[in-house]
Protein backbone atom coordinates (compact mmCIF):
# COMPACT_ATOMS: atom_id res chain seq x y z
CA UNK A 1 -11.76 15.25 22.68
CA UNK A 2 -9.19 17.93 22.50
CA UNK A 3 -8.20 19.42 19.20
CA UNK A 4 -4.62 18.19 19.60
CA UNK A 5 -5.77 14.64 20.29
CA UNK A 6 -7.87 14.59 17.13
CA UNK A 7 -4.98 16.04 15.13
CA UNK A 8 -2.68 13.31 16.48
CA UNK A 9 -5.17 10.58 15.59
CA UNK A 10 -5.56 11.92 12.06
CA UNK A 11 -1.78 12.08 11.57
CA UNK A 12 -1.37 8.51 12.82
CA UNK A 13 -4.16 7.31 10.53
CA UNK A 14 -2.52 9.06 7.59
CA UNK A 15 0.82 7.33 8.30
CA UNK A 16 -0.86 3.93 8.54
CA UNK A 17 -2.78 4.47 5.31
CA UNK A 18 0.38 5.53 3.48
CA UNK A 19 2.21 2.43 4.70
CA UNK A 20 -0.70 0.20 3.64
CA UNK A 21 -0.80 1.88 0.23
CA UNK A 22 2.93 1.34 -0.30
CA UNK A 23 2.66 -2.31 0.72
CA UNK A 24 -0.30 -2.94 -1.57
CA UNK A 25 1.44 -1.17 -4.43
CA UNK A 26 4.47 -3.41 -4.02
CA UNK A 27 2.25 -6.50 -3.93
CA UNK A 28 0.39 -5.50 -7.08
CA UNK A 29 3.63 -4.75 -8.94
CA UNK A 30 5.07 -8.07 -7.83
CA UNK A 31 1.96 -9.96 -8.94
CA UNK A 32 1.98 -8.18 -12.31
CA UNK A 33 5.63 -9.06 -12.89
CA UNK A 34 4.91 -12.66 -11.96
CA UNK A 35 1.94 -12.75 -14.32
CA UNK A 36 3.99 -11.25 -17.15
CA UNK A 37 6.73 -13.80 -16.62
CA UNK A 38 4.27 -16.72 -16.60
CA UNK A 39 2.56 -15.39 -19.71
CA UNK A 40 5.84 -14.99 -21.57
CA UNK A 41 6.92 -18.47 -20.53
CA UNK A 42 3.75 -19.91 -22.05
CA UNK A 43 4.35 -18.15 -25.35
């Protein structure tokens, strides 16, 4: 593999990982807010 090809693959992987991280972060925050709301409703 050429150096440029490896560099391109690494950059693409980095972009995908960042997108996945953002999506998971949003999901976790959403679930936490939902949990807080349900907990407060019970109290």
